[in-house]
C-alpha atoms as a PDB file:
ATOM      1  CA  UNK A   1       1.224  12.340  22.522  1.00  0.00           C
ATOM      2  CA  UNK A   2       2.036   9.173  24.488  1.00  0.00           C
ATOM      3  CA  UNK A   3       3.825   6.190  22.974  1.00  0.00           C
ATOM      4  CA  UNK A   4       1.614   3.537  24.526  1.00  0.00           C
ATOM      5  CA  UNK A   5       3.763   3.296  27.656  1.00  0.00           C
ATOM      6  CA  UNK A   6       2.834   6.619  29.217  1.00  0.00           C
ATOM      7  CA  UNK A   7       5.893   8.433  27.896  1.00  0.00           C
ATOM      8  CA  UNK A   8       5.035  11.835  26.455  1.00  0.00           C
ATOM      9  CA  UNK A   9       6.458  12.768  23.084  1.00  0.00           C
ATOM     10  CA  UNK A  10       6.216  16.069  21.220  1.00  0.00           C
ATOM     11  CA  UNK A  11       3.452  16.469  18.632  1.00  0.00           C
ATOM     12  CA  UNK A  12       5.997  16.779  15.828  1.00  0.00           C
ATOM     13  CA  UNK A  13       7.471  13.376  16.652  1.00  0.00           C
ATOM     14  CA  UNK A  14       6.929  10.920  13.802  1.00  0.00           C
ATOM     15  CA  UNK A  15       8.036   7.450  12.738  1.00  0.00           C
ATOM     16  CA  UNK A  16       7.083   5.994   9.363  1.00  0.00           C
ATOM     17  CA  UNK A  17       6.422   2.266   9.034  1.00  0.00           C
ATOM     18  CA  UNK A  18       6.415   0.951   5.488  1.00  0.00           C
ATOM     19  CA  UNK A  19       4.801  -2.390   4.664  1.00  0.00           C
ATOM     20  CA  UNK A  20       6.085  -4.296   1.657  1.00  0.00           C
ATOM     21  CA  UNK A  21       5.201  -7.613   0.084  1.00  0.00           C
ATOM     22  CA  UNK A  22       3.731  -9.188  -2.978  1.00  0.00           C
ATOM     23  CA  UNK A  23       0.138  -8.999  -4.120  1.00  0.00           C
ATOM     24  CA  UNK A  24      -1.957 -11.073  -1.736  1.00  0.00           C
ATOM     25  CA  UNK A  25       0.606 -10.933   1.069  1.00  0.00           C
ATOM     26  CA  UNK A  26      -1.754  -9.193   3.497  1.00  0.00           C
ATOM     27  CA  UNK A  27      -0.373  -5.650   3.592  1.00  0.00           C
ATOM     28  CA  UNK A  28      -3.732  -4.011   4.315  1.00  0.00           C
ATOM     29  CA  UNK A  29      -4.490  -6.532   7.054  1.00  0.00           C
ATOM     30  CA  UNK A  30      -1.128  -5.791   8.660  1.00  0.00           C
ATOM     31  CA  UNK A  31      -1.815  -2.054   8.431  1.00  0.00           C
ATOM     32  CA  UNK A  32      -5.207  -2.521  10.107  1.00  0.00           C
ATOM     33  CA  UNK A  33      -3.641  -4.515  12.963  1.00  0.00           C
ATOM     34  CA  UNK A  34      -1.033  -1.800  13.524  1.00  0.00           C
ATOM     35  CA  UNK A  35      -3.781   0.817  13.536  1.00  0.00           C
ATOM     36  CA  UNK A  36      -5.419  -1.065  16.410  1.00  0.00           C
ATOM     37  CA  UNK A  37      -2.215  -0.472  18.382  1.00  0.00           C
ATOM     38  CA  UNK A  38      -2.417   3.265  17.765  1.00  0.00           C
ATOM     39  CA  UNK A  39      -0.691   3.888  14.452  1.00  0.00           C
ATOM     40  CA  UNK A  40      -2.184   6.160  11.813  1.00  0.00           C
ATOM     41  CA  UNK A  41      -2.616   4.405   8.454  1.00  0.00           C
ATOM     42  CA  UNK A  42      -2.260   6.265   5.177  1.00  0.00           C
ATOM     43  CA  UNK A  43      -3.770   4.104   2.454  1.00  0.00           C
ATOM     44  CA  UNK A  44      -2.563   4.783  -1.083  1.00  0.00           C
ATOM     45  CA  UNK A  45      -5.336   2.677  -2.585  1.00  0.00           C
ATOM     46  CA  UNK A  46      -7.993   4.746  -0.839  1.00  0.00           C
ATOM     47  CA  UNK A  47      -6.311   7.942  -1.981  1.00  0.00           C
ATOM     48  CA  UNK A  48      -6.251   6.518  -5.504  1.00  0.00           C
ATOM     49  CA  UNK A  49     -10.015   5.977  -5.315  1.00  0.00           C
ATOM     50  CA  UNK A  50     -10.502   9.599  -4.330  1.00  0.00           C
ATOM     51  CA  UNK A  51      -8.175  10.893  -7.055  1.00  0.00           C
ATOM     52  CA  UNK A  52     -10.141   8.997  -9.711  1.00  0.00           C
ATOM     53  CA  UNK A  53     -13.296  10.808  -8.594  1.00  0.00           C
ATOM     54  CA  UNK A  54     -11.822  14.250  -9.297  1.00  0.00           C
ATOM     55  CA  UNK A  55     -13.442  15.863 -12.306  1.00  0.00           C
ATOM     56  CA  UNK A  56     -10.127  17.181 -13.630  1.00  0.00           C
ATOM     57  CA  UNK A  57      -8.628  13.690 -13.536  1.00  0.00           C
ATOM     58  CA  UNK A  58     -11.687  12.171 -15.205  1.00  0.00           C
ATOM     59  CA  UNK A  59     -11.481  14.789 -17.952  1.00  0.00           C
ATOM     60  CA  UNK A  60      -7.898  13.732 -18.680  1.00  0.00           C
ATOM     61  CA  UNK A  61      -8.857  10.052 -18.707  1.00  0.00           C
ATOM     62  CA  UNK A  62     -11.708  10.698 -21.140  1.00  0.00           C
ATOM     63  CA  UNK A  63      -9.199  12.000 -23.658  1.00  0.00           C
ATOM     64  CA  UNK A  64      -7.658   8.505 -23.705  1.00  0.00           C
ATOM     65  CA  UNK A  65     -10.693   6.347 -22.936  1.00  0.00           C
ATOM     66  CA  UNK A  66     -13.902   7.941 -24.145  1.00  0.00           C
ATOM     67  CA  UNK A  67     -16.197   5.033 -23.366  1.00  0.00           C
ATOM     68  CA  UNK A  68     -14.271   1.952 -22.207  1.00  0.00           C
ATOM     69  CA  UNK A  69     -13.761   2.578 -18.493  1.00  0.00           C
ATOM     70  CA  UNK A  70     -16.883   4.352 -17.287  1.00  0.00           C
ATOM     71  CA  UNK A  71     -19.787   3.218 -15.132  1.00  0.00           C
ATOM     72  CA  UNK A  72     -23.363   4.251 -15.829  1.00  0.00           C
ATOM     73  CA  UNK A  73     -23.079   7.075 -13.282  1.00  0.00           C
ATOM     74  CA  UNK A  74     -19.955   8.549 -14.880  1.00  0.00           C
ATOM     75  CA  UNK A  75     -17.351   7.197 -12.475  1.00  0.00           C
ATOM     76  CA  UNK A  76     -14.241   5.201 -13.354  1.00  0.00           C
ATOM     77  CA  UNK A  77     -14.780   1.447 -13.498  1.00  0.00           C
ATOM     78  CA  UNK A  78     -11.545   0.471 -11.729  1.00  0.00           C
ATOM     79  CA  UNK A  79     -11.891  -3.213 -12.578  1.00  0.00           C
ATOM     80  CA  UNK A  80     -12.208  -2.478 -16.271  1.00  0.00           C
ATOM     81  CA  UNK A  81      -9.401   0.084 -16.119  1.00  0.00           C
ATOM     82  CA  UNK A  82      -7.161  -2.492 -14.457  1.00  0.00           C
ATOM     83  CA  UNK A  83      -7.894  -5.045 -17.150  1.00  0.00           C
ATOM     84  CA  UNK A  84      -6.785  -2.570 -19.792  1.00  0.00           C
ATOM     85  CA  UNK A  85      -3.629  -1.119 -18.253  1.00  0.00           C
ATOM     86  CA  UNK A  86      -2.225  -4.335 -16.789  1.00  0.00           C
ATOM     87  CA  UNK A  87      -2.427  -5.822 -20.247  1.00  0.00           C
ATOM     88  CA  UNK A  88      -0.747  -2.914 -22.030  1.00  0.00           C
ATOM     89  CA  UNK A  89       2.361  -1.194 -20.626  1.00  0.00           C
ATOM     90  CA  UNK A  90       1.802   1.862 -22.855  1.00  0.00           C
ATOM     91  CA  UNK A  91      -1.660   2.355 -21.367  1.00  0.00           C
ATOM     92  CA  UNK A  92      -0.254   1.883 -17.867  1.00  0.00           C
ATOM     93  CA  UNK A  93       2.303   4.610 -18.583  1.00  0.00           C
ATOM     94  CA  UNK A  94      -0.441   6.998 -19.678  1.00  0.00           C
ATOM     95  CA  UNK A  95      -2.538   6.232 -16.613  1.00  0.00           C
ATOM     96  CA  UNK A  96       0.312   6.699 -14.145  1.00  0.00           C
ATOM     97  CA  UNK A  97       1.335   9.994 -15.758  1.00  0.00           C
ATOM     98  CA  UNK A  98      -2.139  11.317 -14.959  1.00  0.00           C
ATOM     99  CA  UNK A  99      -2.905   9.703 -11.610  1.00  0.00           C
ATOM    100  CA  UNK A 100       0.404   9.328  -9.767  1.00  0.00           C
ATOM    101  CA  UNK A 101       1.373  13.022  -9.394  1.00  0.00           C
ATOM    102  CA  UNK A 102      -1.847  14.046  -7.570  1.00  0.00           C
ATOM    103  CA  UNK A 103      -1.863  10.756  -5.655  1.00  0.00           C
ATOM    104  CA  UNK A 104       1.665  11.322  -4.364  1.00  0.00           C
ATOM    105  CA  UNK A 105       0.902  14.956  -3.566  1.00  0.00           C
ATOM    106  CA  UNK A 106      -2.081  13.943  -1.430  1.00  0.00           C
ATOM    107  CA  UNK A 107      -0.123  11.081   0.101  1.00  0.00           C
ATOM    108  CA  UNK A 108       2.637  13.459   1.189  1.00  0.00           C
ATOM    109  CA  UNK A 109       0.091  15.982   2.464  1.00  0.00           C
ATOM    110  CA  UNK A 110      -1.427  13.345   4.725  1.00  0.00           C
ATOM    111  CA  UNK A 111       1.982  12.241   5.969  1.00  0.00           C
ATOM    112  CA  UNK A 112       2.945  15.830   6.744  1.00  0.00           C
ATOM    113  CA  UNK A 113      -0.148  16.466   8.863  1.00  0.00           C
ATOM    114  CA  UNK A 114       0.213  13.340  11.029  1.00  0.00           C
ATOM    115  CA  UNK A 115       2.438  12.586  13.997  1.00  0.00           C
ATOM    116  CA  UNK A 116       3.417   9.528  15.999  1.00  0.00           C
ATOM    117  CA  UNK A 117       3.609   6.170  14.262  1.00  0.00           C
ATOM    118  CA  UNK A 118       2.414   6.350  10.662  1.00  0.00           C
ATOM    119  CA  UNK A 119       1.873   3.227   8.578  1.00  0.00           C
ATOM    120  CA  UNK A 120       2.477   3.743   4.864  1.00  0.00           C
ATOM    121  CA  UNK A 121       0.157   1.281   3.130  1.00  0.00           C
ATOM    122  CA  UNK A 122       1.142   1.477  -0.536  1.00  0.00           C
ATOM    123  CA  UNK A 123       1.564  -1.424  -2.947  1.00  0.00           C
ATOM    124  CA  UNK A 124       4.041   0.721  -4.895  1.00  0.00           C
ATOM    125  CA  UNK A 125       5.989   1.902  -1.855  1.00  0.00           C
ATOM    126  CA  UNK A 126       9.325   1.283  -3.552  1.00  0.00           C
ATOM    127  CA  UNK A 127       8.183   2.528  -6.961  1.00  0.00           C
ATOM    128  CA  UNK A 128       6.902   5.753  -5.425  1.00  0.00           C
ATOM    129  CA  UNK A 129      10.313   6.364  -3.843  1.00  0.00           C
ATOM    130  CA  UNK A 130       8.812   6.293  -0.341  1.00  0.00           C
ATOM    131  CA  UNK A 131      10.707   3.359   1.170  1.00  0.00           C
ATOM    132  CA  UNK A 132      13.761   5.492   1.848  1.00  0.00           C
ATOM    133  CA  UNK A 133      11.681   7.822   4.022  1.00  0.00           C
ATOM    134  CA  UNK A 134      10.523   5.002   6.305  1.00  0.00           C
ATOM    135  CA  UNK A 135      12.060   4.429   9.722  1.00  0.00           C
ATOM    136  CA  UNK A 136      10.968   0.779   9.675  1.00  0.00           C
ATOM    137  CA  UNK A 137      10.389  -1.425   6.634  1.00  0.00           C
ATOM    138  CA  UNK A 138       8.355  -4.589   7.134  1.00  0.00           C
ATOM    139  CA  UNK A 139       8.263  -7.316   4.508  1.00  0.00           C
ATOM    140  CA  UNK A 140       5.423  -9.828   4.603  1.00  0.00           C
ATOM    141  CA  UNK A 141       6.954 -13.140   3.576  1.00  0.00           C
ATOM    142  CA  UNK A 142       4.297 -15.306   1.912  1.00  0.00           C
ATOM    143  CA  UNK A 143       4.684 -18.275  -0.417  1.00  0.00           C
ATOM    144  CA  UNK A 144       3.556 -17.979  -4.025  1.00  0.00           C
ATOM    145  CA  UNK A 145       1.024 -20.748  -3.418  1.00  0.00           C
ATOM    146  CA  UNK A 146      -0.576 -18.917  -0.514  1.00  0.00           C
ATOM    147  CA  UNK A 147      -0.681 -15.619  -2.366  1.00  0.00           C
ATOM    148  CA  UNK A 148      -2.199 -17.269  -5.418  1.00  0.00           C
ATOM    149  CA  UNK A 149      -4.902 -18.891  -3.281  1.00  0.00           C
ATOM    150  CA  UNK A 150      -5.742 -15.488  -1.789  1.00  0.00           C
ATOM    151  CA  UNK A 151      -5.763 -13.823  -5.216  1.00  0.00           C
ATOM    152  CA  UNK A 152      -8.107 -16.511  -6.522  1.00  0.00           C
ATOM    153  CA  UNK A 153     -10.737 -14.947  -4.260  1.00  0.00           C
ATOM    154  CA  UNK A 154     -10.359 -11.803  -6.375  1.00  0.00           C
ATOM    155  CA  UNK A 155     -10.917 -13.851  -9.502  1.00  0.00           C
ATOM    156  CA  UNK A 156      -7.252 -13.778 -10.571  1.00  0.00           C
ATOM    157  CA  UNK A 157      -5.372 -16.770 -11.901  1.00  0.00           C
ATOM    158  CA  UNK A 158      -1.600 -17.286 -11.854  1.00  0.00           C
ATOM    159  CA  UNK A 159      -1.124 -15.445 -15.149  1.00  0.00           C
ATOM    160  CA  UNK A 160      -3.047 -12.406 -13.925  1.00  0.00           C
ATOM    161  CA  UNK A 161      -1.046 -12.295 -10.695  1.00  0.00           C
ATOM    162  CA  UNK A 162       2.227 -12.466 -12.605  1.00  0.00           C
ATOM    163  CA  UNK A 163       1.092  -9.814 -15.069  1.00  0.00           C
ATOM    164  CA  UNK A 164       0.235  -7.365 -12.289  1.00  0.00           C
ATOM    165  CA  UNK A 165       3.395  -8.065 -10.322  1.00  0.00           C
ATOM    166  CA  UNK A 166       5.395  -7.452 -13.476  1.00  0.00           C
ATOM    167  CA  UNK A 167       4.750  -3.734 -12.915  1.00  0.00           C
ATOM    168  CA  UNK A 168       6.231  -3.838  -9.408  1.00  0.00           C
ATOM    169  CA  UNK A 169       9.698  -4.146  -7.918  1.00  0.00           C
ATOM    170  CA  UNK A 170      10.875  -7.750  -7.615  1.00  0.00           C
ATOM    171  CA  UNK A 171       9.918  -9.403  -4.345  1.00  0.00           C
ATOM    172  CA  UNK A 172      13.487 -10.364  -3.458  1.00  0.00           C
ATOM    173  CA  UNK A 173      14.592  -6.749  -3.844  1.00  0.00           C
ATOM    174  CA  UNK A 174      11.852  -5.658  -1.461  1.00  0.00           C
ATOM    175  CA  UNK A 175      12.760  -8.393   0.993  1.00  0.00           C
ATOM    176  CA  UNK A 176      16.427  -7.385   0.918  1.00  0.00           C
ATOM    177  CA  UNK A 177      15.519  -3.790   1.711  1.00  0.00           C
ATOM    178  CA  UNK A 178      13.325  -4.607   4.707  1.00  0.00           C
ATOM    179  CA  UNK A 179      14.687  -4.613   8.243  1.00  0.00           C
ATOM    180  CA  UNK A 180      11.822  -6.722   9.627  1.00  0.00           C
ATOM    181  CA  UNK A 181      10.594  -9.952   8.013  1.00  0.00           C
ATOM    182  CA  UNK A 182       7.093 -11.098   8.969  1.00  0.00           C
ATOM    183  CA  UNK A 183       5.847 -14.614   8.176  1.00  0.00           C
ATOM    184  CA  UNK A 184       2.263 -14.324   6.955  1.00  0.00           C
ATOM    185  CA  UNK A 185       1.713 -17.823   5.606  1.00  0.00           C
ATOM    186  CA  UNK A 186      -0.461 -18.812   8.536  1.00  0.00           C
ATOM    187  CA  UNK A 187      -3.650 -17.578  10.190  1.00  0.00           C
ATOM    188  CA  UNK A 188      -4.200 -13.933  11.050  1.00  0.00           C
ATOM    189  CA  UNK A 189      -3.449 -14.711  14.710  1.00  0.00           C
ATOM    190  CA  UNK A 190       0.158 -15.502  13.753  1.00  0.00           C
ATOM    191  CA  UNK A 191       0.437 -12.209  11.920  1.00  0.00           C
ATOM    192  CA  UNK A 192      -1.072 -10.357  14.868  1.00  0.00           C
ATOM    193  CA  UNK A 193       1.402 -11.860  17.355  1.00  0.00           C
ATOM    194  CA  UNK A 194       4.399 -10.911  15.229  1.00  0.00           C
ATOM    195  CA  UNK A 195       3.127  -7.383  14.703  1.00  0.00           C
ATOM    196  CA  UNK A 196       2.435  -7.001  18.411  1.00  0.00           C
ATOM    197  CA  UNK A 197       6.038  -8.046  19.136  1.00  0.00           C
ATOM    198  CA  UNK A 198       7.249  -5.506  16.587  1.00  0.00           C
ATOM    199  CA  UNK A 199       5.038  -2.798  18.070  1.00  0.00           C
ATOM    200  CA  UNK A 200       6.297  -3.438  21.586  1.00  0.00           C
ATOM    201  CA  UNK A 201       9.884  -3.136  20.391  1.00  0.00           C
ATOM    202  CA  UNK A 202       9.455   0.124  18.471  1.00  0.00           C
ATOM    203  CA  UNK A 203       7.099   1.812  20.920  1.00  0.00           C
ATOM    204  CA  UNK A 204       9.102   1.053  24.072  1.00  0.00           C
ATOM    205  CA  UNK A 205      10.893   4.028  25.638  1.00  0.00           C
ATOM    206  CA  UNK A 206      14.441   4.344  24.373  1.00  0.00           C
ATOM    207  CA  UNK A 207      17.290   4.565  26.822  1.00  0.00           C
END
């Protein structure tokens, strides 16, 4: 493998880049931009989608929710499921006990099979205990007003945003843990420039 500057590195070489931030801070956009530079992105949300399609997982969910969370074709209605669990911590606990173990197992499997720069795109990076494994931790610094405006496009109001973030590590704790702070209050071009600067720093040959 080459690091983008023509310097060969062994296949087993790996650096994990964790992206942290609040809901609506642009974590997936940042991951996509880094992928354009050559990083491999492992997306926890996508893995979660796949886990919810497993028949064994759906069987366990039917024990708790016989009819409430299912589409007409027998798949999990994630929007409806979210409405239920983010409004009831006991339901969230039941859901995570079923879904998180296989999700984390698949997440780790994908990390283990990759090499080079690997972007860990997981909203619950800290909660999953993955931040400590990362070589670089980026925090996307975005004002509450900007995040709320972005979340409004999802149909969420301020109360819904706060309710969902109540299940995550506090933003200041995430910010304190990061070693790179990225300002993502502006247009995507600003985010891209900062991430390109970061990429040049971490991918340059070390003395």
